[in-house]
Amino acid sequence: MNKLSWTQAINHCQQAGTGYVIATVIGAQGSTPRDTNCKMVIDPEHCYDTIGGGQLEYLITQEARTLLTKNKTAQVFKPMPLGAEAAQCCGGFVTVMLECFAASEQQVVLFGAGHVSQALQQILGGLACRVTLIDNRPEQIPRTLPANCKSLCVDDPASVIDTLPDNSYLVIFTHDHQLDYSISKQALCLNRFAFVGLIGSDTKAKRFKKRLASESLSQSLIDTLNCPIGLPELSGKLPMEVALSIAAQLQSLFAKADQSPAPQATTWRQIKQAIRSAEQTSPLVSISE
């Protein structure tokens, strides 16, 4: 059990871009461990606060994590006869509403922990995305990172590319041009990322693309390399100015990718009907996805 309250946990999960479920006891009959309106928050790794502990909480946590694997916004109702289903001696009956909030689908991977990267981390910390910072220099990785950012220190950053999720957004600005090239080439060859961006001048872009062509990469793949990275209309050479240009480009891509319609609102009549049906049949009842 984590020490954060359920209200603090919601804020923590939102800042981190992590999916989470709010479990609320909306009905309690007979002898129950907690009254109605008590809440807890469940994410893929932790539980915050409590709805009574014991087998009840264990089963609700399992249901919540099953929802989280689907990574879709949804509401479900779980009726729970504590004696028959949860094997708790209090013997009452509770109905728990599970509200699932999907994790951010935008995965940004920063190859390099230099000045521009550190400035970009500050900006991305306020956006709806999850960030992985990769470098082979432990002294360069900041001790404190935004809540939605984690770090990975490996001898060969290019070796990580195969493990990255599909549709990730890659930003490449290491301290080594050869490493930049290796990462760019491997990322392009996999051809499964939403964005491969490389910091550098027009001259660097031409040299890299000519070299990629000499190694038999197709022109269509080479054309997907974004170099120079960032929005051209946002000029400036200071680390924060460059980072702002990159962040603006990423945010515009996030907006284009997020075309999923908002979930339909659930009416009070639907809620009452779902609860009534749940109490009669005792399955997990889904209201909206």
Protein backbone atom coordinates (compact mmCIF):
# COMPACT_ATOMS: atom_id res chain seq x y z
CA MET A 1 0.00 0.00 0.00
CA ASN A 2 1.48 3.36 -1.04
CA LYS A 3 1.37 6.28 1.38
CA LEU A 4 -0.29 8.65 -1.08
CA SER A 5 -4.00 9.30 -0.60
CA TRP A 6 -6.32 8.53 -3.49
CA THR A 7 -6.57 12.23 -4.39
CA GLN A 8 -2.79 12.61 -4.39
CA ALA A 9 -2.47 9.40 -6.41
CA ILE A 10 -4.71 10.73 -9.20
CA ASN A 11 -2.51 13.80 -9.53
CA HIS A 12 0.63 11.63 -9.46
CA CYS A 13 -0.65 9.28 -12.19
CA GLN A 14 -1.81 12.16 -14.38
CA GLN A 15 1.57 13.86 -14.16
CA ALA A 16 3.35 10.59 -14.94
CA GLY A 17 1.06 9.76 -17.86
CA THR A 18 0.29 6.42 -16.20
CA GLY A 19 -3.03 4.64 -16.61
CA TYR A 20 -5.05 4.30 -13.41
CA VAL A 21 -8.36 3.11 -12.03
CA ILE A 22 -10.47 4.79 -9.36
CA ALA A 23 -12.40 2.17 -7.37
CA THR A 24 -15.39 3.58 -5.47
CA VAL A 25 -17.78 1.70 -3.19
CA ILE A 26 -21.15 2.98 -4.45
CA GLY A 27 -23.34 0.51 -2.58
CA ALA A 28 -22.95 -1.25 0.78
CA GLN A 29 -25.50 -3.56 2.39
CA GLY A 30 -25.17 -5.43 5.65
CA SER A 31 -21.83 -5.78 7.40
CA THR A 32 -19.06 -4.35 5.18
CA PRO A 33 -15.45 -3.25 5.89
CA ARG A 34 -16.00 0.30 4.55
CA ASP A 35 -19.01 2.48 3.87
CA THR A 36 -20.15 3.91 0.55
CA ASN A 37 -18.07 6.60 -1.16
CA CYS A 38 -14.72 5.23 0.07
CA LYS A 39 -12.16 5.14 -2.73
CA MET A 40 -8.81 3.76 -3.77
CA VAL A 41 -6.62 4.21 -6.84
CA ILE A 42 -4.89 1.36 -8.65
CA ASP A 43 -2.14 1.71 -11.26
CA PRO A 44 -0.14 -1.08 -12.93
CA GLU A 45 2.28 -1.31 -9.99
CA HIS A 46 0.78 0.32 -6.90
CA CYS A 47 -2.40 0.73 -4.87
CA TYR A 48 -3.26 3.97 -3.09
CA ASP A 49 -5.66 4.21 -0.14
CA THR A 50 -8.10 1.41 0.64
CA ILE A 51 -11.68 0.23 0.23
CA GLY A 52 -11.40 -2.25 3.10
CA GLY A 53 -8.47 -4.54 2.41
CA GLY A 54 -8.64 -8.33 2.40
CA GLN A 55 -9.91 -10.48 -0.45
CA LEU A 56 -12.35 -7.77 -1.56
CA GLU A 57 -9.51 -5.36 -2.28
CA TYR A 58 -7.42 -8.08 -3.87
CA LEU A 59 -10.18 -9.04 -6.32
CA ILE A 60 -10.94 -5.41 -7.17
CA THR A 61 -7.25 -4.77 -7.79
CA GLN A 62 -7.10 -7.73 -10.17
CA GLU A 63 -10.15 -6.47 -12.06
CA ALA A 64 -8.63 -2.97 -12.26
CA ARG A 65 -5.34 -4.23 -13.69
CA THR A 66 -7.19 -6.28 -16.27
CA LEU A 67 -8.85 -3.05 -17.40
CA LEU A 68 -5.50 -1.25 -17.47
CA THR A 69 -4.07 -3.80 -19.91
CA LYS A 70 -6.70 -2.69 -22.46
CA ASN A 71 -5.59 0.95 -22.04
CA LYS A 72 -9.06 2.32 -22.77
CA THR A 73 -11.20 4.76 -20.83
CA ALA A 74 -14.11 2.80 -19.36
CA GLN A 75 -16.54 2.47 -16.45
CA VAL A 76 -17.51 -0.90 -15.02
CA PHE A 77 -19.49 -2.06 -12.01
CA LYS A 78 -18.51 -5.01 -9.87
CA PRO A 79 -21.06 -6.44 -7.41
CA MET A 80 -19.37 -8.34 -4.61
CA PRO A 81 -21.14 -10.63 -2.09
CA LEU A 82 -18.42 -10.65 0.53
CA GLY A 83 -19.19 -14.08 1.93
CA ALA A 84 -19.78 -16.04 -1.26
CA GLU A 85 -17.28 -14.37 -3.60
CA ALA A 86 -14.68 -12.70 -1.39
CA ALA A 87 -14.71 -15.28 1.42
CA GLN A 88 -14.91 -12.53 4.05
CA CYS A 89 -16.72 -13.31 7.26
CA CYS A 90 -18.52 -9.95 7.47
CA GLY A 91 -20.98 -11.34 4.91
CA GLY A 92 -22.33 -8.07 3.51
CA PHE A 93 -22.71 -6.99 -0.11
CA VAL A 94 -20.88 -4.16 -1.86
CA THR A 95 -21.00 -2.73 -5.38
CA VAL A 96 -17.79 -1.12 -6.62
CA MET A 97 -17.54 1.24 -9.57
CA LEU A 98 -14.25 1.07 -11.47
CA GLU A 99 -13.35 4.14 -13.53
CA CYS A 100 -10.43 3.39 -15.83
CA PHE A 101 -8.33 6.22 -17.28
CA ALA A 102 -6.01 5.19 -20.10
CA ALA A 103 -2.29 5.85 -20.02
CA SER A 104 -0.79 8.37 -22.40
CA GLU A 105 -0.08 6.62 -25.69
CA GLN A 106 2.63 9.08 -26.72
CA GLN A 107 6.03 7.51 -25.94
CA VAL A 108 8.99 9.83 -26.45
CA VAL A 109 12.53 8.45 -26.38
CA LEU A 110 15.41 10.90 -25.98
CA PHE A 111 18.79 9.59 -27.07
CA GLY A 112 21.25 11.88 -25.31
CA ALA A 113 21.27 13.81 -22.05
CA GLY A 114 22.99 17.04 -23.08
CA HIS A 115 21.85 20.63 -22.63
CA VAL A 116 19.09 20.56 -25.26
CA SER A 117 17.82 17.24 -23.91
CA GLN A 118 17.66 18.59 -20.37
CA ALA A 119 15.74 21.65 -21.55
CA LEU A 120 13.37 19.46 -23.57
CA GLN A 121 12.72 17.24 -20.53
CA GLN A 122 11.41 20.29 -18.64
CA ILE A 123 8.91 21.06 -21.39
CA LEU A 124 7.81 17.46 -21.97
CA GLY A 125 7.25 17.13 -18.22
CA GLY A 126 4.14 19.25 -18.68
CA LEU A 127 2.77 17.40 -21.70
CA ALA A 128 0.62 14.27 -21.94
CA CYS A 129 3.37 11.86 -22.88
CA ARG A 130 5.79 9.37 -21.34
CA VAL A 131 9.49 10.00 -21.76
CA THR A 132 12.51 7.69 -21.67
CA LEU A 133 15.95 9.28 -21.50
CA ILE A 134 18.82 7.09 -22.75
CA ASP A 135 22.54 7.83 -22.46
CA ASN A 136 25.81 5.97 -21.90
CA ARG A 137 27.22 8.62 -19.55
CA PRO A 138 25.83 8.19 -16.03
CA GLU A 139 27.18 11.57 -14.91
CA GLN A 140 25.04 13.31 -17.56
CA ILE A 141 21.70 11.89 -16.43
CA PRO A 142 19.93 14.38 -14.12
CA ARG A 143 19.28 13.21 -10.58
CA THR A 144 15.76 14.64 -10.69
CA LEU A 145 13.47 14.01 -13.65
CA PRO A 146 9.86 15.03 -14.33
CA ALA A 147 7.23 12.58 -13.10
CA ASN A 148 6.56 11.32 -16.63
CA CYS A 149 10.23 10.74 -17.41
CA LYS A 150 12.50 7.78 -16.62
CA SER A 151 16.18 7.25 -17.44
CA LEU A 152 18.17 4.34 -18.80
CA CYS A 153 21.97 4.24 -18.78
CA VAL A 154 23.44 1.63 -21.17
CA ASP A 155 26.86 1.20 -22.77
CA ASP A 156 25.36 1.08 -26.26
CA PRO A 157 22.18 3.20 -26.58
CA ALA A 158 21.58 1.85 -30.10
CA SER A 159 21.08 -1.62 -28.62
CA VAL A 160 17.85 -0.44 -26.98
CA ILE A 161 16.05 0.39 -30.21
CA ASP A 162 14.70 -3.12 -30.79
CA THR A 163 12.95 -3.04 -27.40
CA LEU A 164 11.11 0.26 -27.91
CA PRO A 165 7.32 0.27 -28.38
CA ASP A 166 5.85 0.69 -31.83
CA ASN A 167 4.89 4.26 -32.78
CA SER A 168 7.37 5.81 -30.35
CA TYR A 169 8.71 9.30 -31.08
CA LEU A 170 12.52 9.20 -31.22
CA VAL A 171 14.64 12.31 -30.67
CA ILE A 172 18.35 11.79 -31.35
CA PHE A 173 20.91 14.27 -30.02
CA THR A 174 23.82 12.36 -28.54
CA HIS A 175 27.37 13.67 -28.03
CA ASP A 176 28.74 11.44 -30.84
CA HIS A 177 27.93 11.78 -34.56
CA GLN A 178 28.70 8.12 -35.21
CA LEU A 179 26.28 7.13 -32.44
CA ASP A 180 23.69 9.50 -33.92
CA TYR A 181 24.12 7.73 -37.24
CA SER A 182 23.87 4.22 -35.79
CA ILE A 183 20.69 5.05 -33.90
CA SER A 184 19.14 6.79 -36.91
CA LYS A 185 19.95 3.92 -39.26
CA GLN A 186 18.58 1.22 -36.95
CA ALA A 187 15.42 3.20 -36.25
CA LEU A 188 14.76 3.79 -39.96
CA CYS A 189 15.39 0.16 -40.84
CA LEU A 190 12.80 -1.02 -38.32
CA ASN A 191 10.26 1.31 -39.93
CA ARG A 192 7.80 1.14 -37.03
CA PHE A 193 8.22 4.45 -35.21
CA ALA A 194 5.92 7.46 -35.46
CA PHE A 195 8.83 9.89 -35.66
CA VAL A 196 12.60 9.74 -36.01
CA GLY A 197 14.12 13.16 -35.41
CA LEU A 198 17.81 14.06 -35.52
CA ILE A 199 19.39 17.27 -34.31
CA GLY A 200 21.82 18.91 -36.72
CA SER A 201 22.36 21.29 -39.60
CA ASP A 202 21.31 20.94 -43.22
CA THR A 203 24.88 19.84 -43.95
CA LYS A 204 24.68 17.05 -41.38
CA ALA A 205 21.33 15.96 -42.81
CA LYS A 206 22.73 15.75 -46.35
CA ARG A 207 25.77 13.76 -45.22
CA PHE A 208 23.72 11.31 -43.18
CA LYS A 209 21.17 10.78 -45.95
CA LYS A 210 23.89 10.27 -48.56
CA ARG A 211 25.56 7.70 -46.31
CA LEU A 212 22.25 5.94 -45.65
CA ALA A 213 21.64 5.72 -49.40
CA SER A 214 25.10 4.21 -49.88
CA GLU A 215 24.12 1.46 -47.46
CA SER A 216 21.12 0.51 -49.59
CA LEU A 217 18.35 2.12 -47.56
CA SER A 218 15.40 3.01 -49.75
CA GLN A 219 14.76 6.65 -50.47
CA SER A 220 11.28 6.36 -48.95
CA LEU A 221 12.81 5.32 -45.61
CA ILE A 222 15.51 7.99 -45.77
CA ASP A 223 12.87 10.64 -46.36
CA THR A 224 11.25 9.79 -43.00
CA LEU A 225 14.33 11.05 -41.13
CA ASN A 226 13.47 14.48 -39.70
CA CYS A 227 16.69 16.49 -39.80
CA PRO A 228 17.09 19.27 -38.88
CA ILE A 229 14.59 18.57 -36.13
CA GLY A 230 12.09 21.13 -34.87
CA LEU A 231 9.78 23.68 -36.46
CA PRO A 232 11.74 25.91 -38.85
CA GLU A 233 9.68 28.99 -37.96
CA LEU A 234 10.88 28.77 -34.34
CA SER A 235 14.48 29.88 -34.68
CA GLY A 236 17.17 30.21 -32.03
CA LYS A 237 20.29 28.37 -30.94
CA LEU A 238 20.06 28.46 -27.14
CA PRO A 239 19.24 25.04 -25.60
CA MET A 240 15.81 26.14 -24.44
CA GLU A 241 15.03 27.72 -27.82
CA VAL A 242 15.95 24.54 -29.66
CA ALA A 243 14.04 22.44 -27.12
CA LEU A 244 10.96 24.64 -27.56
CA SER A 245 11.08 24.13 -31.33
CA ILE A 246 11.35 20.34 -30.92
CA ALA A 247 8.56 20.23 -28.33
CA ALA A 248 6.26 22.26 -30.60
CA GLN A 249 6.90 19.82 -33.45
CA LEU A 250 6.20 16.83 -31.21
CA GLN A 251 3.03 18.37 -29.80
CA SER A 252 1.70 19.03 -33.30
CA LEU A 253 2.31 15.37 -34.13
CA PHE A 254 0.61 14.25 -30.90
CA ALA A 255 -2.47 16.30 -31.82
CA LYS A 256 -2.66 14.71 -35.28
CA ALA A 257 -2.29 11.20 -33.86
CA ASP A 258 -4.95 11.66 -31.19
CA GLN A 259 -8.05 11.33 -33.35
CA SER A 260 -9.92 8.91 -31.07
CA PRO A 261 -13.47 10.07 -30.26
CA ALA A 262 -14.32 10.96 -26.68
CA PRO A 263 -16.24 8.24 -24.82
CA GLN A 264 -20.00 8.78 -24.63
CA ALA A 265 -21.33 10.01 -21.32
CA THR A 266 -23.13 7.48 -19.14
CA THR A 267 -26.60 8.53 -18.03
CA TRP A 268 -27.88 8.00 -14.50
CA ARG A 269 -30.57 5.67 -15.88
CA GLN A 270 -27.86 3.48 -17.46
CA ILE A 271 -25.99 3.39 -14.17
CA LYS A 272 -29.06 2.31 -12.20
CA GLN A 273 -29.91 -0.35 -14.76
CA ALA A 274 -26.35 -1.66 -14.72
CA ILE A 275 -26.24 -1.88 -10.95
CA ARG A 276 -29.60 -3.66 -10.84
CA SER A 277 -28.45 -6.13 -13.48
CA ALA A 278 -25.12 -6.63 -11.71
CA GLU A 279 -26.72 -7.42 -8.38
CA GLN A 280 -28.93 -10.03 -10.05
CA THR A 281 -26.26 -11.82 -12.05
CA SER A 282 -22.95 -10.85 -10.37
CA PRO A 283 -20.73 -10.57 -13.47
CA LEU A 284 -18.47 -7.67 -14.24
CA VAL A 285 -20.76 -5.18 -16.02
CA SER A 286 -19.27 -2.72 -18.50
CA ILE A 287 -20.94 0.64 -18.99
CA SER A 288 -18.76 2.49 -21.49
CA GLU A 289 -15.52 2.09 -23.37
